């Protein structure tokens, strides 16, 4: 008969979970940074559309939603830059819980 392998100890399981935690943490951060780069690029391009809208509607007031978006482009850019910093606060500062 074959001998059954012993069950892993709590310390071995904790070490395995620590490794998984590190991998998942970096995958999550990588995804957020990639999306944020795209958001920063889009937020920085909003101002260029103001002139296009003004040329398309000469002498007319821009629609209120367009004015809000164009005037808030700085805020959107700041949020796009701050967005990748939020996971740093929550994921990387989380306490490392051990089973043993």
N, C-alpha and C. Protein backbone atom coordinates (compact mmCIF):
# COMPACT_ATOMS: atom_id res chain seq x y z
N UNK A 1 0.83 -1.17 0.00
CA UNK A 1 0.00 0.00 0.00
C UNK A 1 0.88 1.24 0.00
N UNK A 2 0.33 2.28 -0.53
CA UNK A 2 1.07 3.54 -0.54
C UNK A 2 0.82 4.28 0.76
N UNK A 3 1.85 4.97 1.17
CA UNK A 3 1.74 5.72 2.41
C UNK A 3 1.14 7.10 2.11
N UNK A 4 0.17 7.52 2.91
CA UNK A 4 -0.47 8.82 2.71
C UNK A 4 0.49 9.92 3.12
N UNK A 5 0.48 11.00 2.35
CA UNK A 5 1.37 12.12 2.69
C UNK A 5 0.79 12.87 3.89
N UNK A 6 1.66 13.36 4.75
CA UNK A 6 1.17 14.05 5.93
C UNK A 6 0.53 15.38 5.55
N UNK A 7 -0.40 15.80 6.37
CA UNK A 7 -1.05 17.08 6.12
C UNK A 7 -0.06 18.22 6.35
N UNK A 8 -0.16 19.27 5.54
CA UNK A 8 0.77 20.38 5.75
C UNK A 8 0.47 21.09 7.08
N UNK A 9 1.51 21.60 7.67
CA UNK A 9 1.33 22.29 8.94
C UNK A 9 0.78 23.69 8.68
N UNK A 10 0.35 24.33 9.75
CA UNK A 10 -0.18 25.68 9.62
C UNK A 10 0.90 26.65 9.13
N UNK A 11 2.13 26.44 9.51
CA UNK A 11 3.21 27.31 9.05
C UNK A 11 3.44 27.15 7.55
N UNK A 12 3.36 25.93 7.05
CA UNK A 12 3.52 25.70 5.62
C UNK A 12 2.37 26.34 4.84
N UNK A 13 1.16 26.19 5.35
CA UNK A 13 0.01 26.81 4.70
C UNK A 13 0.12 28.33 4.72
N UNK A 14 0.58 28.87 5.84
CA UNK A 14 0.74 30.31 5.96
C UNK A 14 1.78 30.82 4.96
N UNK A 15 2.86 30.10 4.79
CA UNK A 15 3.89 30.50 3.82
C UNK A 15 3.34 30.48 2.40
N UNK A 16 2.54 29.47 2.08
CA UNK A 16 1.93 29.40 0.75
C UNK A 16 0.96 30.56 0.52
N UNK A 17 0.16 30.87 1.53
CA UNK A 17 -0.79 31.97 1.40
C UNK A 17 -0.08 33.31 1.30
N UNK A 18 1.04 33.46 2.00
CA UNK A 18 1.80 34.70 1.90
C UNK A 18 2.29 34.90 0.47
N UNK A 19 2.77 33.85 -0.15
CA UNK A 19 3.22 33.95 -1.54
C UNK A 19 2.08 34.30 -2.49
N UNK A 20 0.93 33.70 -2.28
CA UNK A 20 -0.24 33.99 -3.10
C UNK A 20 -0.68 35.44 -2.89
N UNK A 21 -0.63 35.91 -1.66
CA UNK A 21 -1.00 37.28 -1.34
C UNK A 21 -0.11 38.27 -2.08
N UNK A 22 1.17 38.02 -2.11
CA UNK A 22 2.11 38.91 -2.78
C UNK A 22 1.82 38.95 -4.28
N UNK A 23 1.60 37.80 -4.88
CA UNK A 23 1.32 37.74 -6.32
C UNK A 23 0.03 38.48 -6.64
N UNK A 24 -1.03 38.22 -5.90
CA UNK A 24 -2.31 38.88 -6.17
C UNK A 24 -2.21 40.39 -5.95
N UNK A 25 -1.45 40.80 -4.96
CA UNK A 25 -1.28 42.22 -4.68
C UNK A 25 -0.64 42.93 -5.88
N UNK A 26 0.40 42.34 -6.46
CA UNK A 26 1.08 42.97 -7.58
C UNK A 26 0.26 42.91 -8.86
N UNK A 27 -0.51 41.84 -9.05
CA UNK A 27 -1.38 41.75 -10.23
C UNK A 27 -2.45 42.84 -10.15
N UNK A 28 -3.05 43.01 -8.99
CA UNK A 28 -4.06 44.04 -8.81
C UNK A 28 -3.47 45.43 -9.05
N UNK A 29 -2.33 45.69 -8.49
CA UNK A 29 -1.70 47.00 -8.67
C UNK A 29 -1.36 47.24 -10.14
N UNK A 30 -0.87 46.23 -10.84
CA UNK A 30 -0.54 46.37 -12.25
C UNK A 30 -1.76 46.71 -13.10
N UNK A 31 -2.87 46.05 -12.82
CA UNK A 31 -4.09 46.33 -13.56
C UNK A 31 -4.57 47.74 -13.31
N UNK A 32 -4.52 48.17 -12.07
CA UNK A 32 -4.99 49.52 -11.75
C UNK A 32 -4.11 50.58 -12.39
N UNK A 33 -2.81 50.36 -12.39
CA UNK A 33 -1.90 51.33 -13.01
C UNK A 33 -2.14 51.40 -14.52
N UNK A 34 -2.34 50.27 -15.17
CA UNK A 34 -2.60 50.27 -16.62
C UNK A 34 -3.88 51.04 -16.96
N UNK A 35 -4.92 50.80 -16.20
CA UNK A 35 -6.18 51.52 -16.43
C UNK A 35 -5.99 53.01 -16.12
N UNK A 36 -5.23 53.32 -15.09
CA UNK A 36 -5.03 54.72 -14.71
C UNK A 36 -4.24 55.48 -15.75
N UNK A 37 -3.27 54.86 -16.38
CA UNK A 37 -2.52 55.53 -17.44
C UNK A 37 -3.46 55.94 -18.56
N UNK A 38 -4.37 55.06 -18.92
CA UNK A 38 -5.36 55.36 -19.95
C UNK A 38 -6.27 56.51 -19.49
N UNK A 39 -6.70 56.49 -18.22
CA UNK A 39 -7.55 57.55 -17.69
C UNK A 39 -6.83 58.89 -17.66
N UNK A 40 -5.57 58.89 -17.29
CA UNK A 40 -4.79 60.14 -17.26
C UNK A 40 -4.68 60.72 -18.67
N UNK A 41 -4.43 59.86 -19.63
CA UNK A 41 -4.34 60.32 -21.01
C UNK A 41 -5.67 60.92 -21.47
N UNK A 42 -6.78 60.23 -21.18
CA UNK A 42 -8.08 60.75 -21.59
C UNK A 42 -8.42 62.06 -20.89
N UNK A 43 -8.13 62.16 -19.60
CA UNK A 43 -8.44 63.38 -18.85
C UNK A 43 -7.60 64.55 -19.35
N UNK A 44 -6.38 64.28 -19.79
CA UNK A 44 -5.54 65.37 -20.29
C UNK A 44 -5.98 65.84 -21.68
N UNK A 45 -6.75 65.05 -22.39
CA UNK A 45 -7.21 65.40 -23.73
C UNK A 45 -8.52 66.18 -23.73
N UNK A 46 -9.20 66.28 -22.60
CA UNK A 46 -10.50 66.96 -22.55
C UNK A 46 -10.38 68.42 -22.97
N UNK A 47 -9.33 69.08 -22.51
CA UNK A 47 -9.16 70.50 -22.84
C UNK A 47 -9.04 70.77 -24.33
N UNK A 48 -8.51 69.83 -25.09
CA UNK A 48 -8.36 70.04 -26.53
C UNK A 48 -9.71 70.07 -27.25
N UNK A 49 -10.72 69.47 -26.66
CA UNK A 49 -12.03 69.44 -27.29
C UNK A 49 -12.78 70.76 -27.12
N UNK A 50 -12.39 71.56 -26.14
CA UNK A 50 -13.08 72.84 -25.93
C UNK A 50 -13.00 73.70 -27.19
N UNK A 51 -11.83 73.79 -27.78
CA UNK A 51 -11.67 74.60 -28.99
C UNK A 51 -12.45 74.00 -30.15
N UNK A 52 -12.49 72.70 -30.24
CA UNK A 52 -13.27 72.05 -31.31
C UNK A 52 -14.75 72.39 -31.16
N UNK A 53 -15.26 72.33 -29.93
CA UNK A 53 -16.66 72.66 -29.69
C UNK A 53 -16.93 74.15 -29.98
N UNK A 54 -16.02 75.01 -29.60
CA UNK A 54 -16.20 76.45 -29.84
C UNK A 54 -16.17 76.75 -31.34
N UNK A 55 -15.30 76.06 -32.09
CA UNK A 55 -15.27 76.26 -33.54
C UNK A 55 -16.52 75.69 -34.20
N UNK A 56 -17.07 74.62 -33.65
CA UNK A 56 -18.27 74.00 -34.21
C UNK A 56 -19.53 74.79 -33.94
N UNK A 57 -19.52 75.57 -32.87
CA UNK A 57 -20.68 76.39 -32.50
C UNK A 57 -20.23 77.85 -32.35
N UNK A 58 -19.85 78.49 -33.46
CA UNK A 58 -19.32 79.86 -33.32
C UNK A 58 -20.39 80.83 -32.82
N UNK A 59 -20.03 81.60 -31.81
CA UNK A 59 -20.94 82.62 -31.28
C UNK A 59 -22.03 82.08 -30.37
N UNK A 60 -22.10 80.78 -30.16
CA UNK A 60 -23.13 80.20 -29.30
C UNK A 60 -22.50 79.72 -28.01
N UNK A 61 -23.32 79.67 -26.99
CA UNK A 61 -22.86 79.16 -25.70
C UNK A 61 -22.83 77.64 -25.77
N UNK A 62 -21.78 77.08 -25.21
CA UNK A 62 -21.67 75.61 -25.19
C UNK A 62 -22.76 75.04 -24.28
N UNK A 63 -23.23 73.83 -24.58
CA UNK A 63 -24.21 73.19 -23.69
C UNK A 63 -23.66 73.06 -22.27
N UNK A 64 -24.56 73.05 -21.30
CA UNK A 64 -24.14 73.07 -19.89
C UNK A 64 -23.30 71.85 -19.52
N UNK A 65 -23.63 70.68 -20.05
CA UNK A 65 -22.87 69.47 -19.73
C UNK A 65 -21.45 69.57 -20.29
N UNK A 66 -21.33 70.12 -21.48
CA UNK A 66 -20.01 70.31 -22.08
C UNK A 66 -19.18 71.28 -21.26
N UNK A 67 -19.80 72.38 -20.81
CA UNK A 67 -19.08 73.35 -19.98
C UNK A 67 -18.62 72.72 -18.67
N UNK A 68 -19.46 71.88 -18.07
CA UNK A 68 -19.10 71.23 -16.81
C UNK A 68 -17.89 70.30 -17.01
N UNK A 69 -17.93 69.50 -18.06
CA UNK A 69 -16.85 68.55 -18.31
C UNK A 69 -15.55 69.28 -18.63
N UNK A 70 -15.62 70.30 -19.48
CA UNK A 70 -14.42 71.04 -19.86
C UNK A 70 -13.85 71.79 -18.66
N UNK A 71 -14.71 72.41 -17.86
CA UNK A 71 -14.20 73.17 -16.71
C UNK A 71 -13.71 72.24 -15.61
N UNK A 72 -14.20 71.02 -15.57
CA UNK A 72 -13.77 70.07 -14.55
C UNK A 72 -12.65 69.16 -14.99
N UNK A 73 -12.01 69.48 -16.11
CA UNK A 73 -10.96 68.60 -16.62
C UNK A 73 -9.76 68.52 -15.66
N UNK A 74 -9.48 69.60 -14.95
CA UNK A 74 -8.38 69.58 -13.99
C UNK A 74 -8.68 68.63 -12.83
N UNK A 75 -9.93 68.66 -12.38
CA UNK A 75 -10.34 67.76 -11.30
C UNK A 75 -10.28 66.31 -11.77
N UNK A 76 -10.74 66.06 -12.98
CA UNK A 76 -10.70 64.70 -13.52
C UNK A 76 -9.26 64.22 -13.67
N UNK A 77 -8.38 65.10 -14.07
CA UNK A 77 -6.97 64.74 -14.20
C UNK A 77 -6.38 64.42 -12.82
N UNK A 78 -6.72 65.23 -11.82
CA UNK A 78 -6.23 64.97 -10.46
C UNK A 78 -6.75 63.63 -9.93
N UNK A 79 -8.02 63.33 -10.19
CA UNK A 79 -8.57 62.04 -9.76
C UNK A 79 -7.91 60.88 -10.49
N UNK A 80 -7.60 61.07 -11.76
CA UNK A 80 -6.94 60.01 -12.52
C UNK A 80 -5.54 59.73 -12.00
N UNK A 81 -4.87 60.76 -11.51
CA UNK A 81 -3.54 60.57 -10.94
C UNK A 81 -3.64 59.94 -9.56
N UNK A 82 -4.65 60.35 -8.78
CA UNK A 82 -4.80 59.85 -7.41
C UNK A 82 -5.32 58.41 -7.38
N UNK A 83 -6.01 58.00 -8.41
CA UNK A 83 -6.64 56.68 -8.41
C UNK A 83 -5.66 55.53 -8.16
N UNK A 84 -4.47 55.49 -8.80
CA UNK A 84 -3.57 54.37 -8.51
C UNK A 84 -2.96 54.43 -7.11
N UNK A 85 -3.06 55.56 -6.44
CA UNK A 85 -2.52 55.66 -5.10
C UNK A 85 -3.45 55.03 -4.05
N UNK A 86 -4.73 54.95 -4.33
CA UNK A 86 -5.67 54.38 -3.37
C UNK A 86 -5.39 52.91 -3.05
N UNK A 87 -5.12 52.06 -4.05
CA UNK A 87 -4.80 50.67 -3.70
C UNK A 87 -3.54 50.57 -2.85
N UNK A 88 -2.63 51.50 -3.05
CA UNK A 88 -1.41 51.50 -2.22
C UNK A 88 -1.77 51.68 -0.76
N UNK A 89 -2.75 52.50 -0.49
CA UNK A 89 -3.16 52.73 0.89
C UNK A 89 -3.82 51.50 1.50
N UNK A 90 -4.65 50.82 0.71
CA UNK A 90 -5.43 49.71 1.26
C UNK A 90 -4.75 48.35 1.14
N UNK A 91 -4.18 48.06 -0.02
CA UNK A 91 -3.62 46.73 -0.25
C UNK A 91 -2.26 46.57 0.41
N UNK A 92 -1.37 47.53 0.20
CA UNK A 92 -0.02 47.38 0.70
C UNK A 92 0.10 47.65 2.19
N UNK A 93 -0.83 48.40 2.76
CA UNK A 93 -0.75 48.69 4.18
C UNK A 93 -1.56 47.72 5.02
N UNK A 94 -2.21 46.76 4.37
CA UNK A 94 -3.01 45.79 5.11
C UNK A 94 -2.11 44.93 5.98
N UNK A 95 -2.60 44.61 7.14
CA UNK A 95 -1.84 43.75 8.05
C UNK A 95 -1.71 42.37 7.43
N UNK A 96 -0.56 41.78 7.59
CA UNK A 96 -0.30 40.44 7.07
C UNK A 96 -0.75 39.44 8.13
N UNK A 97 -1.86 38.78 7.88
CA UNK A 97 -2.42 37.85 8.85
C UNK A 97 -1.83 36.46 8.66
N UNK A 98 -1.30 35.92 9.70
CA UNK A 98 -0.72 34.58 9.65
C UNK A 98 -1.66 33.60 10.34
N UNK A 99 -1.65 32.39 9.84
CA UNK A 99 -2.47 31.36 10.46
C UNK A 99 -1.84 30.84 11.74
N UNK A 100 -0.53 30.84 11.80
CA UNK A 100 0.14 30.29 12.98
C UNK A 100 0.59 31.38 13.92
